[in-house]
Amino acid sequence: MLWQAGFRNTTCALGTHLSSLHIAELCGQPGRCVYIAFDEDENQAGQQASHLLAQRLANAGVAARIVRLPFAGDPSNYFLAGATAADFAHCLQEARPL
């Protein structure tokens, strides 16, 4: 959904399970910042995974920001509920570092 909305530098992750190759790819450019937009779960699993991945990235020298969507769900559900690219861009602007 992010790709379809025009956000081309995106990838999917299965929680915090990025391989060392993924981390190396993310570290490839100095000053890169990764935005993490996981589910906002009632049981806090997505939020915990966001923080854990942000910490792993920070330990590898990559800045990370955690994106908060205005309702529980993932980016795909956000767009399916009627959000626009501008709405998501606003969420990116509001994203804060770990």
N, C-alpha and C. Protein backbone atom coordinates (compact mmCIF):
# COMPACT_ATOMS: atom_id res chain seq x y z
N MET A 1 0.82 -1.20 0.00
CA MET A 1 0.00 0.00 0.00
C MET A 1 0.86 1.26 0.00
N LEU A 2 1.95 1.25 0.76
CA LEU A 2 2.81 2.43 0.78
C LEU A 2 3.39 2.69 -0.60
N TRP A 3 3.82 1.63 -1.28
CA TRP A 3 4.36 1.77 -2.63
C TRP A 3 3.31 2.39 -3.55
N GLN A 4 2.09 1.88 -3.48
CA GLN A 4 1.01 2.39 -4.32
C GLN A 4 0.69 3.85 -4.02
N ALA A 5 0.91 4.27 -2.79
CA ALA A 5 0.65 5.65 -2.40
C ALA A 5 1.80 6.59 -2.73
N GLY A 6 2.88 6.04 -3.33
CA GLY A 6 3.99 6.88 -3.74
C GLY A 6 5.20 6.86 -2.84
N PHE A 7 5.17 6.07 -1.80
CA PHE A 7 6.31 5.96 -0.87
C PHE A 7 7.19 4.81 -1.36
N ARG A 8 8.17 5.12 -2.20
CA ARG A 8 8.94 4.11 -2.91
C ARG A 8 10.03 3.44 -2.07
N ASN A 9 10.59 4.11 -1.12
CA ASN A 9 11.67 3.53 -0.30
C ASN A 9 11.09 2.83 0.91
N THR A 10 10.34 1.76 0.65
CA THR A 10 9.68 1.03 1.72
C THR A 10 9.99 -0.45 1.61
N THR A 11 9.85 -1.12 2.71
CA THR A 11 9.97 -2.57 2.73
C THR A 11 9.11 -3.11 3.87
N CYS A 12 8.82 -4.37 3.80
CA CYS A 12 8.06 -5.02 4.86
C CYS A 12 9.02 -5.77 5.77
N ALA A 13 8.68 -5.84 7.02
CA ALA A 13 9.47 -6.60 7.99
C ALA A 13 8.53 -7.50 8.76
N LEU A 14 9.04 -8.62 9.17
CA LEU A 14 8.28 -9.50 10.06
C LEU A 14 8.76 -9.22 11.47
N GLY A 15 8.16 -8.21 12.08
CA GLY A 15 8.59 -7.81 13.41
C GLY A 15 10.02 -7.29 13.37
N THR A 16 10.79 -7.69 14.33
CA THR A 16 12.17 -7.21 14.44
C THR A 16 13.15 -8.13 13.75
N HIS A 17 12.67 -9.11 13.02
CA HIS A 17 13.53 -10.15 12.45
C HIS A 17 14.16 -9.72 11.14
N LEU A 18 15.02 -8.71 11.20
CA LEU A 18 15.80 -8.32 10.04
C LEU A 18 17.12 -9.06 10.11
N SER A 19 17.57 -9.51 8.96
CA SER A 19 18.85 -10.22 8.92
C SER A 19 19.99 -9.20 8.95
N SER A 20 21.20 -9.70 9.14
CA SER A 20 22.36 -8.82 9.11
C SER A 20 22.50 -8.16 7.74
N LEU A 21 22.07 -8.84 6.68
CA LEU A 21 22.09 -8.26 5.34
C LEU A 21 21.13 -7.08 5.24
N HIS A 22 19.94 -7.22 5.82
CA HIS A 22 18.99 -6.12 5.84
C HIS A 22 19.58 -4.91 6.57
N ILE A 23 20.14 -5.17 7.73
CA ILE A 23 20.74 -4.09 8.52
C ILE A 23 21.85 -3.42 7.73
N ALA A 24 22.70 -4.22 7.07
CA ALA A 24 23.80 -3.66 6.27
C ALA A 24 23.24 -2.77 5.15
N GLU A 25 22.15 -3.20 4.51
CA GLU A 25 21.53 -2.38 3.46
C GLU A 25 21.04 -1.05 4.03
N LEU A 26 20.45 -1.10 5.20
CA LEU A 26 19.93 0.12 5.82
C LEU A 26 21.04 1.07 6.25
N CYS A 27 22.21 0.51 6.55
CA CYS A 27 23.35 1.31 6.99
C CYS A 27 24.16 1.85 5.82
N GLY A 28 23.75 1.53 4.60
CA GLY A 28 24.55 1.84 3.42
C GLY A 28 24.80 3.30 3.14
N GLN A 29 23.94 4.20 3.62
CA GLN A 29 24.11 5.61 3.34
C GLN A 29 24.21 6.39 4.65
N PRO A 30 25.25 7.21 4.79
CA PRO A 30 25.38 8.02 6.00
C PRO A 30 24.18 8.96 6.14
N GLY A 31 23.73 9.13 7.36
CA GLY A 31 22.63 10.04 7.64
C GLY A 31 21.25 9.48 7.34
N ARG A 32 21.18 8.23 6.99
CA ARG A 32 19.88 7.62 6.66
C ARG A 32 19.03 7.53 7.93
N CYS A 33 17.74 7.73 7.75
CA CYS A 33 16.79 7.58 8.84
C CYS A 33 15.73 6.59 8.40
N VAL A 34 15.43 5.63 9.24
CA VAL A 34 14.43 4.61 8.95
C VAL A 34 13.18 4.93 9.77
N TYR A 35 12.04 4.90 9.11
CA TYR A 35 10.76 5.11 9.78
C TYR A 35 10.11 3.75 9.96
N ILE A 36 9.69 3.46 11.17
CA ILE A 36 9.08 2.17 11.51
C ILE A 36 7.59 2.40 11.74
N ALA A 37 6.76 1.68 10.97
CA ALA A 37 5.31 1.84 11.08
C ALA A 37 4.67 0.46 11.26
N PHE A 38 4.80 -0.07 12.47
CA PHE A 38 4.21 -1.36 12.79
C PHE A 38 2.79 -1.16 13.32
N ASP A 39 2.07 -2.27 13.44
CA ASP A 39 0.72 -2.25 13.99
C ASP A 39 0.71 -1.60 15.37
N GLU A 40 -0.40 -0.93 15.66
CA GLU A 40 -0.66 -0.38 16.99
C GLU A 40 -1.58 -1.38 17.70
N ASP A 41 -1.00 -2.41 18.26
CA ASP A 41 -1.77 -3.50 18.85
C ASP A 41 -2.27 -3.17 20.25
N GLU A 42 -3.45 -3.69 20.58
CA GLU A 42 -3.98 -3.53 21.94
C GLU A 42 -3.06 -4.16 22.97
N ASN A 43 -2.42 -5.26 22.62
CA ASN A 43 -1.53 -5.94 23.57
C ASN A 43 -0.11 -5.36 23.55
N GLN A 44 0.08 -4.27 22.81
CA GLN A 44 1.35 -3.55 22.75
C GLN A 44 2.46 -4.29 22.00
N ALA A 45 2.14 -5.40 21.33
CA ALA A 45 3.18 -6.17 20.63
C ALA A 45 3.83 -5.36 19.52
N GLY A 46 3.04 -4.65 18.73
CA GLY A 46 3.60 -3.84 17.65
C GLY A 46 4.46 -2.70 18.17
N GLN A 47 4.01 -2.07 19.25
CA GLN A 47 4.76 -0.98 19.83
C GLN A 47 6.09 -1.48 20.41
N GLN A 48 6.05 -2.63 21.07
CA GLN A 48 7.28 -3.20 21.62
C GLN A 48 8.23 -3.59 20.50
N ALA A 49 7.71 -4.17 19.42
CA ALA A 49 8.54 -4.53 18.28
C ALA A 49 9.16 -3.29 17.64
N SER A 50 8.40 -2.21 17.55
CA SER A 50 8.93 -0.95 17.00
C SER A 50 10.12 -0.46 17.81
N HIS A 51 9.96 -0.46 19.13
CA HIS A 51 11.04 0.02 20.00
C HIS A 51 12.26 -0.90 19.92
N LEU A 52 12.03 -2.20 19.87
CA LEU A 52 13.14 -3.15 19.79
C LEU A 52 13.90 -2.98 18.47
N LEU A 53 13.17 -2.85 17.36
CA LEU A 53 13.83 -2.66 16.08
C LEU A 53 14.56 -1.33 16.03
N ALA A 54 13.95 -0.29 16.55
CA ALA A 54 14.62 1.02 16.58
C ALA A 54 15.92 0.95 17.37
N GLN A 55 15.91 0.20 18.46
CA GLN A 55 17.13 0.04 19.25
C GLN A 55 18.19 -0.74 18.49
N ARG A 56 17.78 -1.80 17.80
CA ARG A 56 18.72 -2.59 16.99
C ARG A 56 19.34 -1.72 15.91
N LEU A 57 18.53 -0.90 15.27
CA LEU A 57 19.04 -0.01 14.23
C LEU A 57 19.99 1.03 14.82
N ALA A 58 19.62 1.59 15.96
CA ALA A 58 20.49 2.57 16.61
C ALA A 58 21.84 1.95 16.96
N ASN A 59 21.82 0.72 17.43
CA ASN A 59 23.07 0.03 17.76
C ASN A 59 23.94 -0.20 16.52
N ALA A 60 23.30 -0.25 15.35
CA ALA A 60 24.02 -0.43 14.10
C ALA A 60 24.37 0.92 13.44
N GLY A 61 24.02 2.01 14.12
CA GLY A 61 24.36 3.34 13.60
C GLY A 61 23.33 3.95 12.67
N VAL A 62 22.10 3.43 12.69
CA VAL A 62 21.04 3.94 11.83
C VAL A 62 20.00 4.65 12.70
N ALA A 63 19.71 5.89 12.37
CA ALA A 63 18.66 6.62 13.08
C ALA A 63 17.31 6.02 12.72
N ALA A 64 16.44 5.92 13.70
CA ALA A 64 15.10 5.37 13.46
C ALA A 64 14.06 6.25 14.14
N ARG A 65 12.94 6.36 13.50
CA ARG A 65 11.80 7.08 14.05
C ARG A 65 10.60 6.15 14.02
N ILE A 66 9.77 6.25 15.04
CA ILE A 66 8.60 5.39 15.14
C ILE A 66 7.37 6.20 14.71
N VAL A 67 6.67 5.66 13.72
CA VAL A 67 5.48 6.31 13.17
C VAL A 67 4.26 5.84 13.96
N ARG A 68 3.48 6.79 14.40
CA ARG A 68 2.23 6.48 15.10
C ARG A 68 1.07 6.79 14.16
N LEU A 69 0.25 5.80 13.91
CA LEU A 69 -0.93 6.02 13.11
C LEU A 69 -2.08 6.42 14.02
N PRO A 70 -3.04 7.19 13.53
CA PRO A 70 -4.09 7.71 14.41
C PRO A 70 -5.10 6.68 14.90
N PHE A 71 -4.95 5.44 14.48
CA PHE A 71 -5.83 4.39 15.00
C PHE A 71 -5.06 3.08 14.98
N ALA A 72 -5.57 2.10 15.69
CA ALA A 72 -4.91 0.80 15.73
C ALA A 72 -4.91 0.19 14.34
N GLY A 73 -3.80 -0.34 13.95
CA GLY A 73 -3.69 -0.97 12.64
C GLY A 73 -2.35 -0.69 12.01
N ASP A 74 -2.16 -1.24 10.84
CA ASP A 74 -0.91 -1.05 10.11
C ASP A 74 -1.14 -0.07 8.96
N PRO A 75 -0.06 0.31 8.25
CA PRO A 75 -0.23 1.27 7.15
C PRO A 75 -1.23 0.80 6.09
N SER A 76 -1.27 -0.47 5.80
CA SER A 76 -2.21 -0.96 4.80
C SER A 76 -3.65 -0.68 5.23
N ASN A 77 -3.96 -1.01 6.47
CA ASN A 77 -5.31 -0.74 6.99
C ASN A 77 -5.61 0.75 7.03
N TYR A 78 -4.59 1.54 7.31
CA TYR A 78 -4.74 3.00 7.36
C TYR A 78 -5.22 3.51 6.01
N PHE A 79 -4.58 3.05 4.94
CA PHE A 79 -4.99 3.48 3.61
C PHE A 79 -6.35 2.89 3.21
N LEU A 80 -6.59 1.65 3.57
CA LEU A 80 -7.87 1.04 3.26
C LEU A 80 -9.03 1.76 3.95
N ALA A 81 -8.74 2.40 5.08
CA ALA A 81 -9.76 3.14 5.81
C ALA A 81 -9.98 4.54 5.23
N GLY A 82 -9.23 4.88 4.17
CA GLY A 82 -9.46 6.15 3.50
C GLY A 82 -8.36 7.19 3.64
N ALA A 83 -7.28 6.86 4.31
CA ALA A 83 -6.18 7.81 4.45
C ALA A 83 -5.54 8.08 3.08
N THR A 84 -4.98 9.26 2.95
CA THR A 84 -4.31 9.66 1.71
C THR A 84 -2.80 9.67 1.92
N ALA A 85 -2.07 9.83 0.84
CA ALA A 85 -0.61 9.95 0.93
C ALA A 85 -0.24 11.15 1.81
N ALA A 86 -0.99 12.23 1.70
CA ALA A 86 -0.73 13.41 2.53
C ALA A 86 -0.95 13.10 4.01
N ASP A 87 -1.96 12.30 4.32
CA ASP A 87 -2.20 11.90 5.70
C ASP A 87 -1.00 11.12 6.25
N PHE A 88 -0.51 10.18 5.45
CA PHE A 88 0.62 9.37 5.90
C PHE A 88 1.89 10.23 6.00
N ALA A 89 2.07 11.14 5.05
CA ALA A 89 3.22 12.05 5.11
C ALA A 89 3.19 12.85 6.41
N HIS A 90 2.01 13.25 6.83
CA HIS A 90 1.88 13.97 8.11
C HIS A 90 2.32 13.07 9.27
N CYS A 91 1.93 11.80 9.23
CA CYS A 91 2.36 10.87 10.28
C CYS A 91 3.89 10.74 10.29
N LEU A 92 4.51 10.73 9.11
CA LEU A 92 5.97 10.67 9.04
C LEU A 92 6.59 11.93 9.66
N GLN A 93 6.01 13.09 9.38
CA GLN A 93 6.52 14.34 9.95
C GLN A 93 6.42 14.34 11.46
N GLU A 94 5.40 13.68 12.00
CA GLU A 94 5.18 13.65 13.44
C GLU A 94 5.98 12.54 14.14
N ALA A 95 6.59 11.65 13.36
CA ALA A 95 7.33 10.52 13.93
C ALA A 95 8.48 11.05 14.78
N ARG A 96 8.69 10.39 15.91
CA ARG A 96 9.72 10.80 16.86
C ARG A 96 10.78 9.72 17.01
N PRO A 97 12.00 10.14 17.32
CA PRO A 97 13.05 9.14 17.56
C PRO A 97 12.74 8.32 18.81
N LEU A 98 13.39 7.19 18.90
CA LEU A 98 13.22 6.31 20.06
C LEU A 98 13.53 7.04 21.33
